[in-house]
Protein backbone atom coordinates (compact mmCIF):
# COMPACT_ATOMS: atom_id res chain seq x y z
CA MET A 1 94.46 120.15 155.41
CA GLU A 2 93.91 119.86 159.16
CA VAL A 3 90.59 118.38 160.34
CA SER A 4 89.65 119.32 163.89
CA SER A 5 86.32 117.61 164.73
CA PRO A 6 85.07 114.02 164.25
CA LYS A 7 82.17 115.33 162.20
CA ALA A 8 84.46 117.33 159.88
CA ALA A 9 86.73 114.28 159.62
CA ARG A 10 83.84 112.12 158.40
CA ARG A 11 82.79 114.68 155.86
CA PHE A 12 86.34 114.93 154.60
CA SER A 13 86.65 111.13 154.44
CA TRP A 14 83.33 110.94 152.48
CA PHE A 15 84.50 113.75 150.09
CA ALA A 16 87.79 111.96 149.54
CA ALA A 17 86.01 108.61 148.81
CA VAL A 18 83.68 110.23 146.31
CA ALA A 19 86.55 112.01 144.59
CA VAL A 20 88.22 108.63 144.07
CA ALA A 21 85.04 106.64 143.26
CA LEU A 22 83.58 108.96 140.52
CA PRO A 23 86.41 108.55 137.94
CA LEU A 24 86.41 104.80 138.59
CA ALA A 25 82.70 104.56 138.05
CA ALA A 26 82.95 106.64 134.86
CA CYS A 27 85.45 104.22 133.50
CA ALA A 28 83.21 101.25 134.36
CA VAL A 29 80.17 102.81 132.76
CA GLY A 30 81.94 104.36 129.78
CA GLY A 31 84.22 101.38 129.19
CA ASN A 32 85.34 100.71 125.67
CA GLN A 33 82.45 101.96 123.62
CA GLY A 34 84.39 102.99 120.54
CA ASN A 35 85.49 99.59 119.36
CA GLN A 36 82.71 98.58 116.94
CA ALA A 37 85.04 96.20 115.08
CA THR A 38 85.26 94.01 118.15
CA ASN A 39 81.50 94.29 118.60
CA ALA A 40 81.03 93.17 114.96
CA VAL A 41 82.64 89.88 115.92
CA ALA A 42 80.84 89.50 119.17
CA SER A 43 77.21 88.42 119.38
CA ALA A 44 74.44 91.01 119.20
CA PRO A 45 75.72 94.06 121.17
CA GLU A 46 73.16 96.64 122.22
CA VAL A 47 72.03 98.99 119.49
CA HIS A 48 73.89 102.31 119.37
CA SER A 49 72.31 103.73 116.33
CA SER A 50 68.92 105.52 116.21
CA LEU A 51 68.78 105.43 112.41
CA LYS A 52 65.85 103.74 110.65
CA PRO A 53 66.08 102.13 107.16
CA ASN A 54 65.71 104.82 104.53
CA PRO A 55 62.92 104.07 102.03
CA ASP A 56 64.98 105.65 99.19
CA PHE A 57 67.77 103.11 99.78
CA ALA A 58 65.29 100.18 99.48
CA LYS A 59 65.54 100.72 95.68
CA LEU A 60 69.27 100.22 95.63
CA PRO A 61 70.98 96.84 94.88
CA GLN A 62 71.03 94.63 97.96
CA TYR A 63 73.71 92.44 99.25
CA ALA A 64 73.57 89.83 102.07
CA GLY A 65 76.38 88.36 104.01
CA THR A 66 78.55 88.77 107.09
CA LEU A 67 80.63 91.45 108.81
CA GLY A 68 82.84 89.44 111.10
CA LYS A 69 80.52 86.74 112.52
CA ARG A 70 77.36 88.91 112.30
CA LYS A 71 74.86 88.78 109.41
CA ILE A 72 74.15 92.00 107.61
CA VAL A 73 72.11 93.20 104.62
CA MET A 74 73.61 96.13 102.68
CA ARG A 75 71.82 98.35 100.22
CA LEU A 76 74.48 100.12 98.10
CA GLY A 77 74.23 101.96 94.78
CA ALA A 78 75.46 104.75 92.65
CA LYS A 79 74.82 108.30 93.79
CA THR A 80 72.73 110.34 91.35
CA ASP A 81 74.81 113.53 91.61
CA PRO A 82 76.52 114.13 88.21
CA ASP A 83 79.44 115.80 90.02
CA ASP A 84 80.17 112.51 91.88
CA ALA A 85 80.25 109.95 89.06
CA GLY A 86 82.15 107.26 91.03
CA GLY A 87 80.19 107.93 94.28
CA VAL A 88 78.19 105.17 96.00
CA HIS A 89 75.91 105.44 99.03
CA GLY A 90 73.48 103.34 101.01
CA GLU A 91 73.08 101.69 104.38
CA TYR A 92 73.60 98.33 106.05
CA GLN A 93 71.58 96.69 108.81
CA PHE A 94 72.58 94.07 111.33
CA SER A 95 70.19 91.11 111.12
CA ASP A 96 70.40 90.37 114.81
CA THR A 97 69.71 93.82 116.27
CA GLY A 98 68.24 95.80 113.34
CA GLU A 99 70.79 98.51 113.83
CA VAL A 100 71.13 100.69 110.68
CA ILE A 101 74.48 102.20 109.62
CA LEU A 102 74.98 104.70 106.71
CA ILE A 103 77.70 104.15 104.19
CA ALA A 104 79.06 106.33 101.47
CA GLY A 105 82.21 106.46 99.39
CA ASP A 106 83.62 105.76 95.93
CA ARG A 107 83.82 102.80 93.58
CA SER A 108 86.82 102.91 91.23
CA GLY A 109 86.70 99.96 88.93
CA ALA A 110 86.54 96.97 91.18
CA THR A 111 87.63 98.84 94.31
CA LEU A 112 85.24 100.08 97.03
CA GLU A 113 86.47 102.68 99.50
CA ALA A 114 83.73 103.98 101.87
CA GLU A 115 83.02 105.43 105.22
CA GLU A 116 80.19 104.67 107.62
CA SER A 117 78.23 106.70 110.15
CA ASN A 118 75.84 105.48 112.79
CA ASP A 119 74.26 108.90 113.27
CA GLY A 120 74.55 110.60 109.85
CA THR A 121 77.26 113.05 110.98
CA ARG A 122 80.24 111.31 112.64
CA ILE A 123 82.40 108.84 110.68
CA THR A 124 82.52 105.58 112.68
CA GLY A 125 84.43 103.32 110.35
CA ASN A 126 86.11 102.73 106.94
CA TRP A 127 85.43 100.00 104.40
CA VAL A 128 87.86 98.80 101.80
CA GLY A 129 86.72 96.05 99.45
CA THR A 130 86.78 94.53 95.99
CA PHE A 131 83.85 93.82 93.70
CA ALA A 132 84.24 90.32 92.09
CA ALA A 133 83.05 89.33 88.64
CA ASP A 134 79.93 87.73 90.14
CA GLY A 135 78.93 91.02 91.86
CA SER A 136 79.98 89.93 95.30
CA ILE A 137 81.95 92.33 97.54
CA SER A 138 84.63 91.34 100.09
CA GLY A 139 87.18 93.23 102.11
CA ASP A 140 87.64 94.71 105.55
CA ARG A 141 85.79 97.15 107.76
CA MET A 142 88.10 99.14 110.03
CA GLU A 143 87.93 101.76 112.72
CA VAL A 144 88.32 105.42 111.71
CA ASP A 145 92.08 105.10 112.15
CA ASP A 146 92.20 101.96 109.94
CA SER A 147 92.83 99.68 112.93
CA ASN A 148 91.03 96.47 113.91
CA PRO A 149 90.14 95.12 110.47
CA VAL A 150 87.01 92.95 110.49
CA PRO A 151 86.39 90.96 107.23
CA PHE A 152 83.15 91.22 105.31
CA GLU A 153 81.71 89.00 102.60
CA LEU A 154 78.62 90.11 100.74
CA LYS A 155 76.69 88.42 97.85
CA PRO A 156 74.24 90.25 95.63
CA MET A 157 70.60 89.35 96.27
CA ALA A 158 68.09 88.94 93.40
CA ALA A 159 65.84 91.98 92.89
CA GLY A 160 62.99 91.86 95.37
CA ALA A 161 64.54 88.99 97.33
CA LEU A 162 64.47 89.08 101.10
CA ALA A 163 67.47 88.01 103.26
CA ALA A 164 66.93 84.72 104.97
CA PRO A 165 66.04 85.09 108.64
CA ALA A 166 68.63 84.17 111.22
CA PRO A 167 68.08 80.64 112.50
CA THR A 168 66.92 80.36 116.05
CA PRO A 169 69.11 78.26 118.27
CA LYS A 170 67.61 75.05 119.77
CA SER A 171 67.82 75.17 123.53
CA GLY A 172 66.30 71.93 124.73
CA ASN A 173 62.94 70.19 124.86
CA ALA A 174 59.64 71.68 126.10
CA VAL A 175 58.28 70.00 129.23
CA GLY A 176 54.65 69.04 129.06
CA GLY A 177 53.80 71.65 126.45
CA VAL A 178 55.33 74.51 128.53
CA GLY A 179 57.80 76.36 126.38
CA ASN A 180 59.58 78.33 129.05
CA VAL A 181 60.56 75.15 131.03
CA VAL A 182 63.16 73.01 129.24
CA THR A 183 65.24 69.92 130.02
CA GLY A 184 68.68 69.09 128.69
CA ASP A 185 68.94 67.55 125.23
């Protein structure tokens, strides 16, 4: 393309710069959003789910434990559909962000195989685990393609028990009663 005037040359240069910059900006903004297993090990990523805890699931057996390094509470129980005798469903919630993820699948003997969804329609991960004699569940949560396994360990909670709150980290000493000013330990 031949550019004949300085004004046209500036416009062409600007257009070329935008054409190169937009895809780069899209990569920077979009980044690696799909890797929730990595996020499960990291500390408190931003919440991607708009789901709220379902009151119907509050009646299901509750389990507390970890997914990677993050604390979760899972409510998981048998489906009531007689055509899905081995079916289980429920939800789990991250203790640090409150994010709610739906989970549904099958229990065959001591084996749990389930899928999760953060919006109620798209599958966002797979769970494979084993129920122990004491009622605890352990296994791996993986991406949809079964990559990036992240271990989970869940213990049954007593009926009506609440999960222990996450401890707040100590970050120093208050100065003169002012809590937002701290000194080193």
